[in-house]
Amino acid sequence: MLLPLYLTGVDDPLADSERLLEKKYRSKKAIEDLIKETSEAFGVPPEVICSRSRQRKHSAARAAFSYLAVEETGHSAADVARVLGVKRMSVHEAVVRGRTLCEEHALDGLER
């Protein structure tokens, strides 16, 4: 006997598909604009986000930028990796860190 989805604890597959399609086809903000807004929010120069600086504040701004570019505006991790000059996997790791940083700095509401 098949149970309804709400009883199985499985998310609605159609809702997941809609969310993914919306993310993929939403209008993308230019990466340069995201860099500028993130740098202003973190109080660092824009060129620092694309640098390899390991200073905590610079690294945090880079992680927040990665999160906003990939998760909030739908850019691919490969595109962000090319801009930052890092590997795609590094961007995925930064996205995880960036999520909490954006919540702390209230950056989820950046204008799109």
N, C-alpha and C. Protein backbone atom coordinates (compact mmCIF):
# COMPACT_ATOMS: atom_id res chain seq x y z
N MET A 1 0.84 -1.18 0.00
CA MET A 1 0.00 0.00 0.00
C MET A 1 0.89 1.24 0.00
N LEU A 2 0.60 2.17 -0.89
CA LEU A 2 1.35 3.42 -0.98
C LEU A 2 0.74 4.45 -0.05
N LEU A 3 1.59 5.13 0.68
CA LEU A 3 1.13 6.19 1.57
C LEU A 3 1.21 7.53 0.86
N PRO A 4 0.32 8.46 1.19
CA PRO A 4 0.43 9.80 0.62
C PRO A 4 1.76 10.43 1.03
N LEU A 5 2.26 11.33 0.20
CA LEU A 5 3.57 11.94 0.45
C LEU A 5 3.66 12.63 1.80
N TYR A 6 2.56 13.27 2.24
CA TYR A 6 2.64 13.99 3.51
C TYR A 6 2.78 13.03 4.69
N LEU A 7 2.46 11.76 4.51
CA LEU A 7 2.62 10.79 5.59
C LEU A 7 3.99 10.10 5.55
N THR A 8 4.67 10.17 4.44
CA THR A 8 5.96 9.49 4.31
C THR A 8 7.13 10.35 4.76
N GLY A 9 6.90 11.64 4.93
CA GLY A 9 7.99 12.53 5.31
C GLY A 9 8.83 12.96 4.12
N VAL A 10 8.42 12.61 2.92
CA VAL A 10 9.15 12.98 1.71
C VAL A 10 8.58 14.32 1.22
N ASP A 11 9.47 15.21 0.86
CA ASP A 11 9.02 16.50 0.33
C ASP A 11 8.30 16.30 -0.99
N ASP A 12 7.47 17.24 -1.30
CA ASP A 12 6.72 17.20 -2.55
C ASP A 12 7.69 17.37 -3.72
N PRO A 13 7.82 16.38 -4.59
CA PRO A 13 8.77 16.48 -5.69
C PRO A 13 8.46 17.63 -6.64
N LEU A 14 7.19 17.94 -6.83
CA LEU A 14 6.84 19.05 -7.71
C LEU A 14 7.28 20.38 -7.12
N ALA A 15 7.14 20.55 -5.83
CA ALA A 15 7.58 21.79 -5.19
C ALA A 15 9.09 21.94 -5.31
N ASP A 16 9.82 20.84 -5.15
CA ASP A 16 11.28 20.89 -5.31
C ASP A 16 11.66 21.26 -6.74
N SER A 17 10.95 20.68 -7.70
CA SER A 17 11.24 20.98 -9.10
C SER A 17 10.95 22.44 -9.43
N GLU A 18 9.84 22.95 -8.91
CA GLU A 18 9.50 24.35 -9.14
C GLU A 18 10.55 25.28 -8.55
N ARG A 19 11.02 24.95 -7.35
CA ARG A 19 12.03 25.77 -6.69
C ARG A 19 13.32 25.79 -7.51
N LEU A 20 13.73 24.62 -8.02
CA LEU A 20 14.94 24.55 -8.83
C LEU A 20 14.80 25.30 -10.15
N LEU A 21 13.65 25.18 -10.79
CA LEU A 21 13.43 25.90 -12.04
C LEU A 21 13.41 27.41 -11.81
N GLU A 22 12.78 27.83 -10.74
CA GLU A 22 12.73 29.26 -10.42
C GLU A 22 14.14 29.80 -10.21
N LYS A 23 14.94 29.04 -9.48
CA LYS A 23 16.32 29.46 -9.22
C LYS A 23 17.13 29.53 -10.51
N LYS A 24 16.94 28.55 -11.37
CA LYS A 24 17.72 28.50 -12.60
C LYS A 24 17.37 29.63 -13.56
N TYR A 25 16.10 29.98 -13.66
CA TYR A 25 15.67 30.94 -14.67
C TYR A 25 15.39 32.33 -14.13
N ARG A 26 15.69 32.58 -12.86
CA ARG A 26 15.49 33.93 -12.34
C ARG A 26 16.53 34.85 -12.96
N SER A 27 16.17 36.12 -13.07
CA SER A 27 17.13 37.05 -13.67
C SER A 27 18.33 37.19 -12.75
N LYS A 28 19.49 37.11 -13.36
CA LYS A 28 20.72 37.11 -12.57
C LYS A 28 21.28 38.52 -12.47
N LYS A 29 21.68 38.85 -11.27
CA LYS A 29 22.35 40.11 -11.04
C LYS A 29 23.79 39.94 -11.50
N ALA A 30 24.36 40.97 -12.05
CA ALA A 30 25.74 40.90 -12.53
C ALA A 30 26.69 40.61 -11.36
N ILE A 31 27.68 39.79 -11.63
CA ILE A 31 28.64 39.42 -10.60
C ILE A 31 29.36 40.65 -10.08
N GLU A 32 29.65 41.59 -10.94
CA GLU A 32 30.34 42.82 -10.52
C GLU A 32 29.51 43.60 -9.51
N ASP A 33 28.18 43.64 -9.72
CA ASP A 33 27.30 44.33 -8.77
C ASP A 33 27.28 43.62 -7.42
N LEU A 34 27.27 42.28 -7.45
CA LEU A 34 27.31 41.52 -6.20
C LEU A 34 28.61 41.77 -5.44
N ILE A 35 29.72 41.84 -6.17
CA ILE A 35 31.01 42.11 -5.53
C ILE A 35 30.96 43.47 -4.85
N LYS A 36 30.44 44.46 -5.55
CA LYS A 36 30.37 45.81 -4.99
C LYS A 36 29.50 45.85 -3.73
N GLU A 37 28.31 45.25 -3.79
CA GLU A 37 27.40 45.28 -2.65
C GLU A 37 27.97 44.51 -1.46
N THR A 38 28.60 43.37 -1.73
CA THR A 38 29.18 42.58 -0.65
C THR A 38 30.34 43.33 -0.01
N SER A 39 31.15 43.97 -0.82
CA SER A 39 32.30 44.71 -0.27
C SER A 39 31.83 45.87 0.59
N GLU A 40 30.74 46.53 0.19
CA GLU A 40 30.20 47.62 1.00
C GLU A 40 29.66 47.09 2.32
N ALA A 41 28.98 45.96 2.28
CA ALA A 41 28.40 45.40 3.50
C ALA A 41 29.47 44.96 4.49
N PHE A 42 30.60 44.47 3.98
CA PHE A 42 31.67 43.99 4.86
C PHE A 42 32.74 45.05 5.11
N GLY A 43 32.64 46.19 4.44
CA GLY A 43 33.59 47.27 4.65
C GLY A 43 34.99 46.96 4.13
N VAL A 44 35.06 46.28 2.99
CA VAL A 44 36.35 45.97 2.37
C VAL A 44 36.33 46.48 0.93
N PRO A 45 37.50 46.77 0.36
CA PRO A 45 37.53 47.18 -1.05
C PRO A 45 37.06 46.05 -1.97
N PRO A 46 36.41 46.37 -3.08
CA PRO A 46 35.90 45.32 -3.99
C PRO A 46 37.00 44.40 -4.52
N GLU A 47 38.19 44.92 -4.77
CA GLU A 47 39.25 44.08 -5.33
C GLU A 47 39.72 43.01 -4.35
N VAL A 48 39.43 43.19 -3.06
CA VAL A 48 39.83 42.20 -2.05
C VAL A 48 39.03 40.91 -2.19
N ILE A 49 37.80 41.01 -2.66
CA ILE A 49 36.96 39.82 -2.79
C ILE A 49 37.55 38.86 -3.83
N CYS A 50 38.14 39.38 -4.86
CA CYS A 50 38.74 38.53 -5.89
C CYS A 50 40.21 38.22 -5.62
N SER A 51 40.72 38.67 -4.49
CA SER A 51 42.11 38.40 -4.15
C SER A 51 42.22 37.07 -3.40
N ARG A 52 43.42 36.67 -3.12
CA ARG A 52 43.65 35.43 -2.37
C ARG A 52 44.02 35.72 -0.92
N SER A 53 43.66 36.90 -0.46
CA SER A 53 43.98 37.29 0.91
C SER A 53 43.35 36.32 1.90
N ARG A 54 44.09 35.99 2.94
CA ARG A 54 43.58 35.06 3.94
C ARG A 54 43.11 35.77 5.21
N GLN A 55 43.11 37.09 5.19
CA GLN A 55 42.63 37.82 6.36
C GLN A 55 41.17 37.44 6.59
N ARG A 56 40.82 37.33 7.85
CA ARG A 56 39.49 36.84 8.22
C ARG A 56 38.37 37.65 7.57
N LYS A 57 38.48 38.97 7.62
CA LYS A 57 37.42 39.82 7.07
C LYS A 57 37.30 39.65 5.55
N HIS A 58 38.44 39.52 4.87
CA HIS A 58 38.43 39.34 3.42
C HIS A 58 37.85 37.98 3.04
N SER A 59 38.24 36.96 3.78
CA SER A 59 37.74 35.62 3.53
C SER A 59 36.23 35.54 3.78
N ALA A 60 35.77 36.22 4.82
CA ALA A 60 34.34 36.23 5.13
C ALA A 60 33.55 36.91 4.01
N ALA A 61 34.08 38.02 3.51
CA ALA A 61 33.40 38.73 2.41
C ALA A 61 33.36 37.85 1.17
N ARG A 62 34.43 37.14 0.89
CA ARG A 62 34.49 36.24 -0.27
C ARG A 62 33.47 35.10 -0.13
N ALA A 63 33.35 34.55 1.07
CA ALA A 63 32.39 33.46 1.31
C ALA A 63 30.95 33.97 1.16
N ALA A 64 30.68 35.15 1.69
CA ALA A 64 29.33 35.73 1.57
C ALA A 64 29.00 36.01 0.11
N PHE A 65 29.98 36.54 -0.63
CA PHE A 65 29.78 36.77 -2.06
C PHE A 65 29.47 35.46 -2.78
N SER A 66 30.20 34.41 -2.45
CA SER A 66 29.99 33.11 -3.09
C SER A 66 28.57 32.61 -2.83
N TYR A 67 28.12 32.73 -1.58
CA TYR A 67 26.76 32.30 -1.24
C TYR A 67 25.72 33.10 -2.03
N LEU A 68 25.86 34.43 -2.03
CA LEU A 68 24.88 35.26 -2.73
C LEU A 68 24.88 34.99 -4.23
N ALA A 69 26.06 34.79 -4.80
CA ALA A 69 26.13 34.56 -6.24
C ALA A 69 25.53 33.22 -6.63
N VAL A 70 25.81 32.18 -5.86
CA VAL A 70 25.35 30.83 -6.22
C VAL A 70 23.92 30.58 -5.76
N GLU A 71 23.64 30.81 -4.51
CA GLU A 71 22.34 30.43 -3.95
C GLU A 71 21.24 31.48 -4.16
N GLU A 72 21.59 32.74 -4.06
CA GLU A 72 20.56 33.77 -4.12
C GLU A 72 20.30 34.28 -5.54
N THR A 73 21.32 34.31 -6.38
CA THR A 73 21.11 34.84 -7.73
C THR A 73 21.23 33.79 -8.81
N GLY A 74 21.66 32.58 -8.49
CA GLY A 74 21.63 31.49 -9.45
C GLY A 74 22.81 31.37 -10.38
N HIS A 75 23.91 32.07 -10.09
CA HIS A 75 25.11 31.87 -10.91
C HIS A 75 25.67 30.49 -10.62
N SER A 76 26.33 29.91 -11.60
CA SER A 76 26.92 28.59 -11.37
C SER A 76 28.19 28.72 -10.55
N ALA A 77 28.50 27.66 -9.82
CA ALA A 77 29.72 27.65 -9.02
C ALA A 77 30.95 27.76 -9.92
N ALA A 78 30.86 27.23 -11.12
CA ALA A 78 31.97 27.32 -12.07
C ALA A 78 32.23 28.77 -12.48
N ASP A 79 31.16 29.54 -12.71
CA ASP A 79 31.33 30.96 -13.06
C ASP A 79 31.96 31.73 -11.92
N VAL A 80 31.49 31.48 -10.72
CA VAL A 80 32.03 32.18 -9.55
C VAL A 80 33.49 31.77 -9.33
N ALA A 81 33.79 30.50 -9.55
CA ALA A 81 35.17 30.03 -9.39
C ALA A 81 36.10 30.73 -10.39
N ARG A 82 35.64 30.94 -11.61
CA ARG A 82 36.46 31.64 -12.60
C ARG A 82 36.73 33.07 -12.17
N VAL A 83 35.72 33.75 -11.64
CA VAL A 83 35.89 35.13 -11.20
C VAL A 83 36.86 35.22 -10.03
N LEU A 84 36.74 34.28 -9.09
CA LEU A 84 37.59 34.31 -7.90
C LEU A 84 38.96 33.67 -8.13
N GLY A 85 39.10 32.93 -9.20
CA GLY A 85 40.38 32.28 -9.47
C GLY A 85 40.65 31.09 -8.56
N VAL A 86 39.57 30.36 -8.22
CA VAL A 86 39.70 29.18 -7.36
C VAL A 86 39.01 27.99 -8.04
N LYS A 87 39.06 26.85 -7.40
CA LYS A 87 38.38 25.66 -7.93
C LYS A 87 36.91 25.70 -7.55
N ARG A 88 36.12 24.99 -8.34
CA ARG A 88 34.67 24.94 -8.10
C ARG A 88 34.35 24.40 -6.71
N MET A 89 35.08 23.41 -6.25
CA MET A 89 34.84 22.84 -4.93
C MET A 89 35.07 23.86 -3.83
N SER A 90 36.03 24.74 -4.02
CA SER A 90 36.28 25.81 -3.04
C SER A 90 35.09 26.75 -2.95
N VAL A 91 34.44 26.98 -4.08
CA VAL A 91 33.25 27.83 -4.07
C VAL A 91 32.13 27.14 -3.31
N HIS A 92 31.96 25.84 -3.51
CA HIS A 92 30.91 25.12 -2.78
C HIS A 92 31.15 25.18 -1.26
N GLU A 93 32.39 25.05 -0.85
CA GLU A 93 32.72 25.15 0.58
C GLU A 93 32.45 26.56 1.08
N ALA A 94 32.77 27.56 0.27
CA ALA A 94 32.53 28.95 0.66
C ALA A 94 31.05 29.25 0.76
N VAL A 95 30.25 28.62 -0.08
CA VAL A 95 28.80 28.83 -0.04
C VAL A 95 28.24 28.39 1.32
N VAL A 96 28.72 27.28 1.83
CA VAL A 96 28.26 26.78 3.13
C VAL A 96 28.62 27.78 4.24
N ARG A 97 29.87 28.27 4.21
CA ARG A 97 30.29 29.26 5.20
C ARG A 97 29.55 30.58 5.01
N GLY A 98 29.34 30.93 3.76
CA GLY A 98 28.71 32.21 3.44
C GLY A 98 27.27 32.30 3.89
N ARG A 99 26.58 31.18 3.94
CA ARG A 99 25.17 31.18 4.37
C ARG A 99 25.05 31.76 5.78
N THR A 100 25.87 31.27 6.70
CA THR A 100 25.80 31.77 8.07
C THR A 100 26.29 33.21 8.16
N LEU A 101 27.29 33.56 7.38
CA LEU A 101 27.79 34.94 7.39
C LEU A 101 26.74 35.91 6.88
N CYS A 102 26.00 35.53 5.86
CA CYS A 102 24.95 36.40 5.33
C CYS A 102 23.82 36.56 6.33
N GLU A 103 23.52 35.51 7.06
CA GLU A 103 22.49 35.62 8.09
C GLU A 103 22.95 36.57 9.20
N GLU A 104 24.23 36.48 9.58
CA GLU A 104 24.77 37.36 10.62
C GLU A 104 24.80 38.81 10.17
N HIS A 105 25.11 39.06 8.91
CA HIS A 105 25.20 40.43 8.40
C HIS A 105 23.91 40.89 7.73
N ALA A 106 22.87 40.07 7.79
CA ALA A 106 21.57 40.40 7.19
C ALA A 106 21.70 40.74 5.72
N LEU A 107 22.43 39.92 4.97
CA LEU A 107 22.64 40.16 3.55
C LEU A 107 21.66 39.42 2.65
N ASP A 108 20.76 38.64 3.21
CA ASP A 108 19.82 37.91 2.38
C ASP A 108 18.91 38.85 1.60
N GLY A 109 18.75 40.06 2.08
CA GLY A 109 17.84 40.99 1.42
C GLY A 109 18.51 41.93 0.46
N LEU A 110 19.67 41.58 -0.09
CA LEU A 110 20.29 42.46 -1.08
C LEU A 110 19.37 42.62 -2.27
N GLU A 111 19.33 43.83 -2.80
CA GLU A 111 18.48 44.10 -3.96
C GLU A 111 18.92 43.27 -5.16
N ARG A 112 17.96 42.73 -5.88
CA ARG A 112 18.27 41.93 -7.08
C ARG A 112 17.97 42.68 -8.30
